[in-house]
Amino acid sequence: MKRTLCIRAGLALVLFMLLALPALASGGGDDSDPAASKSASFKAGVTAIKAQDYRKAIEWMTRAIAEAPKDADAYNYLGYAHRKLGDYDNALKFYGRALELDPEHRGAHEYLGEAYLELHQPEEAKKHLAALDKICWLGCEEYRDLKKAVASYERAPK
């Protein structure tokens, strides 16, 4: 009887791992668009970023922040747009604000790490890679992307 109970418990654990862990690894199993519940300004900002119209993205994300001042995603995208325009002071400021609001914001850690690589500060980038390693205990795209960027930076001729 004890043996049967152990076998059932083991099978239950295997079943749990097969069903639940892929959902947890993908961020909780919700594959919906994170922008779906956001304001029209936020959505317009994301559209501008996808079109690489970073000046327009800054306008829209600034409006989105006025509408939702604690939206870490909007600050992250605002930092991204500034970085793409070469405005690193504002990029670092807005990424930092995103991380103040959400210390585990994976996108902000990735993009801030990339910004530090562009500023030739690989040790600062590695701090954000280490943070992602802790946040993404089963791995995540942001960790893989920043790890690849750090490795590429280290291989590049100096």
N, C-alpha and C. Protein backbone atom coordinates (compact mmCIF):
# COMPACT_ATOMS: atom_id res chain seq x y z
N MET A 1 0.81 -1.19 0.00
CA MET A 1 0.00 0.00 0.00
C MET A 1 0.87 1.26 0.00
N LYS A 2 1.92 1.26 0.84
CA LYS A 2 2.83 2.40 0.87
C LYS A 2 3.49 2.60 -0.49
N ARG A 3 3.87 1.50 -1.10
CA ARG A 3 4.54 1.57 -2.41
C ARG A 3 3.60 2.17 -3.45
N THR A 4 2.36 1.79 -3.46
CA THR A 4 1.37 2.31 -4.40
C THR A 4 1.19 3.81 -4.19
N LEU A 5 1.14 4.23 -2.93
CA LEU A 5 1.00 5.65 -2.61
C LEU A 5 2.20 6.44 -3.12
N CYS A 6 3.39 5.91 -2.97
CA CYS A 6 4.61 6.57 -3.45
C CYS A 6 4.59 6.67 -4.97
N ILE A 7 4.16 5.62 -5.62
CA ILE A 7 4.11 5.64 -7.09
C ILE A 7 3.11 6.69 -7.55
N ARG A 8 1.95 6.75 -6.91
CA ARG A 8 0.95 7.75 -7.28
C ARG A 8 1.46 9.17 -7.05
N ALA A 9 2.14 9.37 -5.94
CA ALA A 9 2.69 10.70 -5.65
C ALA A 9 3.74 11.07 -6.69
N GLY A 10 4.56 10.12 -7.06
CA GLY A 10 5.57 10.37 -8.09
C GLY A 10 4.94 10.71 -9.43
N LEU A 11 3.91 9.98 -9.81
CA LEU A 11 3.20 10.26 -11.06
C LEU A 11 2.52 11.62 -11.02
N ALA A 12 1.97 11.98 -9.88
CA ALA A 12 1.35 13.29 -9.74
C ALA A 12 2.39 14.40 -9.92
N LEU A 13 3.57 14.21 -9.36
CA LEU A 13 4.63 15.19 -9.50
C LEU A 13 5.07 15.33 -10.95
N VAL A 14 5.23 14.22 -11.63
CA VAL A 14 5.61 14.25 -13.05
C VAL A 14 4.53 14.95 -13.86
N LEU A 15 3.26 14.65 -13.59
CA LEU A 15 2.17 15.29 -14.30
C LEU A 15 2.17 16.79 -14.05
N PHE A 16 2.40 17.19 -12.80
CA PHE A 16 2.49 18.61 -12.48
C PHE A 16 3.60 19.29 -13.28
N MET A 17 4.75 18.66 -13.31
CA MET A 17 5.89 19.24 -14.03
C MET A 17 5.59 19.37 -15.52
N LEU A 18 4.94 18.40 -16.08
CA LEU A 18 4.63 18.44 -17.50
C LEU A 18 3.60 19.52 -17.83
N LEU A 19 2.67 19.74 -16.94
CA LEU A 19 1.59 20.69 -17.21
C LEU A 19 1.86 22.10 -16.71
N ALA A 20 2.41 22.21 -15.52
CA ALA A 20 2.53 23.52 -14.89
C ALA A 20 3.82 24.25 -15.21
N LEU A 21 4.92 23.56 -15.27
CA LEU A 21 6.20 24.26 -15.45
C LEU A 21 6.32 25.01 -16.77
N PRO A 22 5.84 24.48 -17.90
CA PRO A 22 5.92 25.30 -19.12
C PRO A 22 5.15 26.61 -18.98
N ALA A 23 4.03 26.59 -18.29
CA ALA A 23 3.26 27.82 -18.08
C ALA A 23 4.03 28.79 -17.20
N LEU A 24 4.65 28.30 -16.14
CA LEU A 24 5.45 29.16 -15.28
C LEU A 24 6.65 29.73 -16.01
N ALA A 25 7.28 28.94 -16.84
CA ALA A 25 8.46 29.40 -17.58
C ALA A 25 8.12 30.51 -18.54
N SER A 26 6.91 30.52 -19.05
CA SER A 26 6.53 31.54 -20.02
C SER A 26 5.96 32.78 -19.34
N GLY A 27 6.08 32.86 -18.03
CA GLY A 27 5.63 34.05 -17.34
C GLY A 27 4.26 33.88 -16.73
N GLY A 28 3.83 32.66 -16.47
CA GLY A 28 2.57 32.44 -15.80
C GLY A 28 1.52 31.84 -16.69
N GLY A 29 1.83 31.62 -17.93
CA GLY A 29 0.89 30.97 -18.81
C GLY A 29 -0.04 31.91 -19.53
N ASP A 30 0.05 33.21 -19.31
CA ASP A 30 -0.82 34.16 -19.97
C ASP A 30 -0.12 34.69 -21.21
N ASP A 31 -0.54 34.20 -22.35
CA ASP A 31 0.09 34.61 -23.60
C ASP A 31 -0.61 35.80 -24.25
N SER A 32 -1.50 36.46 -23.51
CA SER A 32 -2.21 37.59 -24.07
C SER A 32 -1.26 38.77 -24.26
N ASP A 33 -1.67 39.70 -25.09
CA ASP A 33 -0.87 40.88 -25.39
C ASP A 33 -0.84 41.79 -24.16
N PRO A 34 0.36 42.09 -23.61
CA PRO A 34 0.42 42.94 -22.42
C PRO A 34 -0.12 44.34 -22.67
N ALA A 35 -0.13 44.78 -23.92
CA ALA A 35 -0.65 46.12 -24.23
C ALA A 35 -2.17 46.14 -24.31
N ALA A 36 -2.81 44.97 -24.28
CA ALA A 36 -4.26 44.89 -24.47
C ALA A 36 -5.03 45.70 -23.43
N SER A 37 -4.55 45.74 -22.19
CA SER A 37 -5.26 46.46 -21.14
C SER A 37 -4.74 47.88 -20.94
N LYS A 38 -3.89 48.34 -21.82
CA LYS A 38 -3.28 49.66 -21.69
C LYS A 38 -4.10 50.73 -22.40
N SER A 39 -3.72 51.97 -22.17
CA SER A 39 -4.43 53.11 -22.77
C SER A 39 -4.15 53.21 -24.27
N ALA A 40 -4.95 54.00 -24.92
CA ALA A 40 -4.75 54.24 -26.36
C ALA A 40 -3.40 54.92 -26.60
N SER A 41 -2.99 55.78 -25.68
CA SER A 41 -1.69 56.45 -25.83
C SER A 41 -0.55 55.44 -25.76
N PHE A 42 -0.64 54.50 -24.82
CA PHE A 42 0.37 53.46 -24.71
C PHE A 42 0.43 52.63 -25.99
N LYS A 43 -0.72 52.22 -26.47
CA LYS A 43 -0.78 51.41 -27.69
C LYS A 43 -0.21 52.17 -28.88
N ALA A 44 -0.51 53.46 -28.97
CA ALA A 44 0.04 54.28 -30.07
C ALA A 44 1.55 54.39 -29.93
N GLY A 45 2.04 54.47 -28.70
CA GLY A 45 3.49 54.52 -28.47
C GLY A 45 4.17 53.24 -28.91
N VAL A 46 3.58 52.11 -28.60
CA VAL A 46 4.14 50.81 -29.02
C VAL A 46 4.15 50.72 -30.54
N THR A 47 3.07 51.18 -31.16
CA THR A 47 3.01 51.17 -32.63
C THR A 47 4.12 52.05 -33.22
N ALA A 48 4.35 53.20 -32.61
CA ALA A 48 5.42 54.10 -33.08
C ALA A 48 6.79 53.45 -32.90
N ILE A 49 6.99 52.75 -31.80
CA ILE A 49 8.27 52.06 -31.59
C ILE A 49 8.47 50.98 -32.65
N LYS A 50 7.44 50.21 -32.91
CA LYS A 50 7.54 49.16 -33.94
C LYS A 50 7.85 49.75 -35.31
N ALA A 51 7.36 50.97 -35.55
CA ALA A 51 7.63 51.66 -36.82
C ALA A 51 8.97 52.41 -36.77
N GLN A 52 9.68 52.33 -35.65
CA GLN A 52 10.95 53.01 -35.43
C GLN A 52 10.81 54.53 -35.50
N ASP A 53 9.63 55.04 -35.18
CA ASP A 53 9.39 56.48 -35.09
C ASP A 53 9.52 56.85 -33.61
N TYR A 54 10.76 56.98 -33.18
CA TYR A 54 11.04 57.12 -31.75
C TYR A 54 10.61 58.47 -31.19
N ARG A 55 10.66 59.51 -31.98
CA ARG A 55 10.19 60.82 -31.50
C ARG A 55 8.69 60.77 -31.21
N LYS A 56 7.95 60.15 -32.11
CA LYS A 56 6.51 60.01 -31.89
C LYS A 56 6.25 59.08 -30.70
N ALA A 57 7.06 58.04 -30.56
CA ALA A 57 6.91 57.13 -29.42
C ALA A 57 7.09 57.88 -28.11
N ILE A 58 8.05 58.80 -28.07
CA ILE A 58 8.28 59.59 -26.86
C ILE A 58 7.05 60.43 -26.54
N GLU A 59 6.45 61.03 -27.56
CA GLU A 59 5.23 61.82 -27.34
C GLU A 59 4.12 60.95 -26.75
N TRP A 60 3.89 59.79 -27.36
CA TRP A 60 2.80 58.92 -26.92
C TRP A 60 3.07 58.34 -25.54
N MET A 61 4.30 57.90 -25.28
CA MET A 61 4.59 57.32 -23.98
C MET A 61 4.57 58.36 -22.87
N THR A 62 4.92 59.60 -23.19
CA THR A 62 4.82 60.68 -22.22
C THR A 62 3.35 60.89 -21.84
N ARG A 63 2.46 60.82 -22.84
CA ARG A 63 1.02 60.91 -22.56
C ARG A 63 0.56 59.71 -21.74
N ALA A 64 1.05 58.54 -22.10
CA ALA A 64 0.66 57.32 -21.37
C ALA A 64 1.05 57.43 -19.90
N ILE A 65 2.22 58.00 -19.63
CA ILE A 65 2.67 58.15 -18.25
C ILE A 65 1.82 59.19 -17.52
N ALA A 66 1.40 60.24 -18.22
CA ALA A 66 0.51 61.23 -17.60
C ALA A 66 -0.81 60.57 -17.22
N GLU A 67 -1.25 59.62 -18.01
CA GLU A 67 -2.51 58.90 -17.74
C GLU A 67 -2.34 57.82 -16.66
N ALA A 68 -1.18 57.23 -16.61
CA ALA A 68 -0.91 56.15 -15.65
C ALA A 68 0.51 56.31 -15.12
N PRO A 69 0.70 57.19 -14.14
CA PRO A 69 2.05 57.53 -13.68
C PRO A 69 2.86 56.39 -13.06
N LYS A 70 2.23 55.27 -12.78
CA LYS A 70 2.96 54.15 -12.18
C LYS A 70 3.10 52.98 -13.14
N ASP A 71 3.04 53.26 -14.43
CA ASP A 71 3.13 52.21 -15.44
C ASP A 71 4.60 51.97 -15.82
N ALA A 72 5.18 50.94 -15.24
CA ALA A 72 6.60 50.63 -15.49
C ALA A 72 6.85 50.32 -16.96
N ASP A 73 5.88 49.71 -17.63
CA ASP A 73 6.04 49.39 -19.06
C ASP A 73 6.21 50.67 -19.88
N ALA A 74 5.42 51.69 -19.57
CA ALA A 74 5.52 52.95 -20.31
C ALA A 74 6.87 53.61 -20.09
N TYR A 75 7.36 53.60 -18.86
CA TYR A 75 8.69 54.15 -18.59
C TYR A 75 9.77 53.36 -19.32
N ASN A 76 9.62 52.06 -19.36
CA ASN A 76 10.59 51.22 -20.07
C ASN A 76 10.63 51.57 -21.55
N TYR A 77 9.46 51.68 -22.16
CA TYR A 77 9.41 52.03 -23.59
C TYR A 77 9.91 53.45 -23.82
N LEU A 78 9.65 54.35 -22.89
CA LEU A 78 10.15 55.72 -23.01
C LEU A 78 11.67 55.72 -22.97
N GLY A 79 12.24 54.92 -22.08
CA GLY A 79 13.69 54.77 -22.05
C GLY A 79 14.23 54.20 -23.34
N TYR A 80 13.55 53.19 -23.87
CA TYR A 80 13.96 52.56 -25.12
C TYR A 80 13.99 53.57 -26.27
N ALA A 81 12.93 54.37 -26.38
CA ALA A 81 12.86 55.37 -27.46
C ALA A 81 13.99 56.38 -27.34
N HIS A 82 14.24 56.84 -26.12
CA HIS A 82 15.35 57.80 -25.92
C HIS A 82 16.69 57.16 -26.27
N ARG A 83 16.88 55.91 -25.88
CA ARG A 83 18.15 55.22 -26.19
C ARG A 83 18.33 55.10 -27.69
N LYS A 84 17.28 54.76 -28.39
CA LYS A 84 17.39 54.60 -29.85
C LYS A 84 17.71 55.92 -30.54
N LEU A 85 17.38 57.03 -29.89
CA LEU A 85 17.74 58.35 -30.43
C LEU A 85 19.09 58.83 -29.93
N GLY A 86 19.76 58.00 -29.11
CA GLY A 86 21.09 58.36 -28.62
C GLY A 86 21.08 59.22 -27.38
N ASP A 87 19.92 59.42 -26.77
CA ASP A 87 19.79 60.23 -25.56
C ASP A 87 19.90 59.31 -24.34
N TYR A 88 21.14 58.99 -23.99
CA TYR A 88 21.38 58.02 -22.93
C TYR A 88 21.03 58.54 -21.54
N ASP A 89 21.18 59.85 -21.32
CA ASP A 89 20.83 60.39 -20.00
C ASP A 89 19.35 60.12 -19.69
N ASN A 90 18.49 60.44 -20.64
CA ASN A 90 17.06 60.20 -20.42
C ASN A 90 16.74 58.71 -20.45
N ALA A 91 17.41 57.96 -21.29
CA ALA A 91 17.16 56.52 -21.34
C ALA A 91 17.44 55.90 -19.98
N LEU A 92 18.59 56.20 -19.39
CA LEU A 92 18.94 55.65 -18.08
C LEU A 92 17.95 56.10 -17.02
N LYS A 93 17.53 57.35 -17.10
CA LYS A 93 16.56 57.88 -16.13
C LYS A 93 15.24 57.11 -16.20
N PHE A 94 14.73 56.90 -17.41
CA PHE A 94 13.43 56.25 -17.54
C PHE A 94 13.50 54.74 -17.26
N TYR A 95 14.58 54.10 -17.65
CA TYR A 95 14.76 52.69 -17.27
C TYR A 95 14.82 52.57 -15.74
N GLY A 96 15.54 53.49 -15.12
CA GLY A 96 15.64 53.50 -13.67
C GLY A 96 14.29 53.67 -13.00
N ARG A 97 13.46 54.54 -13.56
CA ARG A 97 12.11 54.75 -13.00
C ARG A 97 11.27 53.49 -13.16
N ALA A 98 11.39 52.82 -14.30
CA ALA A 98 10.66 51.56 -14.51
C ALA A 98 11.06 50.55 -13.44
N LEU A 99 12.35 50.49 -13.12
CA LEU A 99 12.82 49.54 -12.11
C LEU A 99 12.46 49.97 -10.69
N GLU A 100 12.31 51.26 -10.46
CA GLU A 100 11.80 51.71 -9.16
C GLU A 100 10.37 51.22 -8.95
N LEU A 101 9.57 51.30 -10.01
CA LEU A 101 8.17 50.88 -9.94
C LEU A 101 8.03 49.36 -9.90
N ASP A 102 8.91 48.68 -10.62
CA ASP A 102 8.86 47.22 -10.70
C ASP A 102 10.29 46.70 -10.75
N PRO A 103 10.89 46.41 -9.59
CA PRO A 103 12.29 45.98 -9.55
C PRO A 103 12.57 44.70 -10.35
N GLU A 104 11.55 43.94 -10.69
CA GLU A 104 11.75 42.71 -11.46
C GLU A 104 11.29 42.87 -12.91
N HIS A 105 11.22 44.10 -13.40
CA HIS A 105 10.79 44.34 -14.78
C HIS A 105 11.86 43.81 -15.72
N ARG A 106 11.56 42.69 -16.35
CA ARG A 106 12.55 42.01 -17.19
C ARG A 106 13.00 42.87 -18.37
N GLY A 107 12.06 43.53 -19.03
CA GLY A 107 12.42 44.37 -20.18
C GLY A 107 13.35 45.51 -19.80
N ALA A 108 13.06 46.15 -18.67
CA ALA A 108 13.91 47.26 -18.23
C ALA A 108 15.32 46.78 -17.90
N HIS A 109 15.42 45.61 -17.25
CA HIS A 109 16.77 45.08 -16.97
C HIS A 109 17.51 44.78 -18.28
N GLU A 110 16.83 44.17 -19.23
CA GLU A 110 17.48 43.85 -20.51
C GLU A 110 17.92 45.13 -21.22
N TYR A 111 17.01 46.06 -21.38
CA TYR A 111 17.32 47.28 -22.14
C TYR A 111 18.35 48.14 -21.43
N LEU A 112 18.30 48.18 -20.11
CA LEU A 112 19.30 48.94 -19.37
C LEU A 112 20.67 48.29 -19.53
N GLY A 113 20.70 46.97 -19.50
CA GLY A 113 21.96 46.27 -19.75
C GLY A 113 22.51 46.58 -21.13
N GLU A 114 21.64 46.59 -22.13
CA GLU A 114 22.07 46.92 -23.49
C GLU A 114 22.57 48.36 -23.57
N ALA A 115 21.90 49.26 -22.87
CA ALA A 115 22.36 50.66 -22.85
C ALA A 115 23.76 50.75 -22.27
N TYR A 116 24.00 50.03 -21.18
CA TYR A 116 25.34 50.06 -20.58
C TYR A 116 26.39 49.48 -21.52
N LEU A 117 26.03 48.48 -22.30
CA LEU A 117 27.00 47.97 -23.29
C LEU A 117 27.30 49.04 -24.33
N GLU A 118 26.27 49.75 -24.77
CA GLU A 118 26.47 50.83 -25.75
C GLU A 118 27.31 51.96 -25.17
N LEU A 119 27.26 52.11 -23.86
CA LEU A 119 28.07 53.13 -23.18
C LEU A 119 29.43 52.58 -22.74
N HIS A 120 29.75 51.37 -23.17
CA HIS A 120 31.02 50.70 -22.85
C HIS A 120 31.21 50.53 -21.35
N GLN A 121 30.13 50.08 -20.69
CA GLN A 121 30.17 49.78 -19.27
C GLN A 121 29.67 48.34 -19.06
N PRO A 122 30.45 47.37 -19.53
CA PRO A 122 29.99 45.98 -19.47
C PRO A 122 29.75 45.46 -18.05
N GLU A 123 30.47 45.97 -17.07
CA GLU A 123 30.25 45.50 -15.70
C GLU A 123 28.86 45.89 -15.19
N GLU A 124 28.40 47.07 -15.59
CA GLU A 124 27.04 47.48 -15.22
C GLU A 124 26.01 46.60 -15.95
N ALA A 125 26.28 46.28 -17.20
CA ALA A 125 25.38 45.40 -17.95
C ALA A 125 25.29 44.03 -17.29
N LYS A 126 26.42 43.55 -16.80
CA LYS A 126 26.44 42.22 -16.16
C LYS A 126 25.64 42.21 -14.86
N LYS A 127 25.52 43.34 -14.20
CA LYS A 127 24.69 43.42 -13.00
C LYS A 127 23.22 43.16 -13.36
N HIS A 128 22.81 43.68 -14.49
CA HIS A 128 21.42 43.47 -14.92
C HIS A 128 21.23 42.05 -15.46
N LEU A 129 22.27 41.49 -16.03
CA LEU A 129 22.21 40.09 -16.44
C LEU A 129 22.05 39.20 -15.21
N ALA A 130 22.78 39.51 -14.15
CA ALA A 130 22.67 38.74 -12.91
C ALA A 130 21.28 38.90 -12.29
N ALA A 131 20.73 40.11 -12.37
CA ALA A 131 19.37 40.32 -11.85
C ALA A 131 18.37 39.48 -12.63
N LEU A 132 18.52 39.45 -13.96
CA LEU A 132 17.62 38.64 -14.78
C LEU A 132 17.78 37.15 -14.48
N ASP A 133 19.00 36.74 -14.19
CA ASP A 133 19.23 35.34 -13.86
C ASP A 133 18.44 34.94 -12.61
N LYS A 134 18.34 35.86 -11.65
CA LYS A 134 17.57 35.59 -10.44
C LYS A 134 16.07 35.67 -10.70
N ILE A 135 15.65 36.64 -11.50
CA ILE A 135 14.23 36.84 -11.78
C ILE A 135 13.68 35.70 -12.63
N CYS A 136 14.45 35.30 -13.61
CA CYS A 136 14.01 34.28 -14.58
C CYS A 136 14.57 32.92 -14.18
N TRP A 137 14.11 32.38 -13.08
CA TRP A 137 14.71 31.16 -12.55
C TRP A 137 14.54 29.97 -13.47
N LEU A 138 13.63 30.03 -14.42
CA LEU A 138 13.53 28.97 -15.43
C LEU A 138 13.98 29.47 -16.80
N GLY A 139 14.60 30.63 -16.83
CA GLY A 139 15.06 31.21 -18.09
C GLY A 139 13.98 32.08 -18.71
N CYS A 140 14.39 33.08 -19.44
CA CYS A 140 13.45 33.96 -20.15
C CYS A 140 14.18 34.60 -21.33
N GLU A 141 13.40 35.11 -22.24
CA GLU A 141 13.95 35.71 -23.45
C GLU A 141 14.85 36.90 -23.13
N GLU A 142 14.46 37.73 -22.16
CA GLU A 142 15.25 38.90 -21.81
C GLU A 142 16.64 38.50 -21.32
N TYR A 143 16.70 37.45 -20.50
CA TYR A 143 17.99 36.96 -20.02
C TYR A 143 18.84 36.46 -21.19
N ARG A 144 18.24 35.64 -22.05
CA ARG A 144 18.99 35.09 -23.19
C ARG A 144 19.49 36.21 -24.11
N ASP A 145 18.65 37.21 -24.36
CA ASP A 145 19.04 38.31 -25.26
C ASP A 145 20.19 39.13 -24.67
N LEU A 146 20.10 39.45 -23.38
CA LEU A 146 21.17 40.24 -22.77
C LEU A 146 22.45 39.42 -22.65
N LYS A 147 22.33 38.14 -22.34
CA LYS A 147 23.51 37.28 -22.26
C LYS A 147 24.22 37.24 -23.62
N LYS A 148 23.44 37.13 -24.67
CA LYS A 148 24.00 37.12 -26.03
C LYS A 148 24.68 38.46 -26.35
N ALA A 149 24.04 39.55 -25.95
CA ALA A 149 24.61 40.89 -26.20
C ALA A 149 25.92 41.08 -25.44
N VAL A 150 25.97 40.61 -24.19
CA VAL A 150 27.21 40.72 -23.40
C VAL A 150 28.31 39.89 -24.04
N ALA A 151 27.99 38.68 -24.46
CA ALA A 151 28.99 37.81 -25.10
C ALA A 151 29.49 38.44 -26.39
N SER A 152 28.60 39.01 -27.16
CA SER A 152 28.99 39.67 -28.41
C SER A 152 29.88 40.87 -28.13
N TYR A 153 29.55 41.64 -27.10
CA TYR A 153 30.36 42.79 -26.72
C TYR A 153 31.77 42.35 -26.33
N GLU A 154 31.84 41.27 -25.56
CA GLU A 154 33.15 40.78 -25.10
C GLU A 154 34.00 40.22 -26.23
N ARG A 155 33.37 39.69 -27.29
CA ARG A 155 34.11 39.15 -28.43
C ARG A 155 34.57 40.24 -29.40
N ALA A 156 33.93 41.38 -29.35
CA ALA A 156 34.23 42.46 -30.31
C ALA A 156 35.63 43.00 -30.06
N PRO A 157 36.32 43.35 -31.14
CA PRO A 157 37.65 43.95 -30.96
C PRO A 157 37.54 45.29 -30.25
N LYS A 158 38.49 45.51 -29.39
CA LYS A 158 38.47 46.78 -28.59
C LYS A 158 39.36 47.80 -29.21
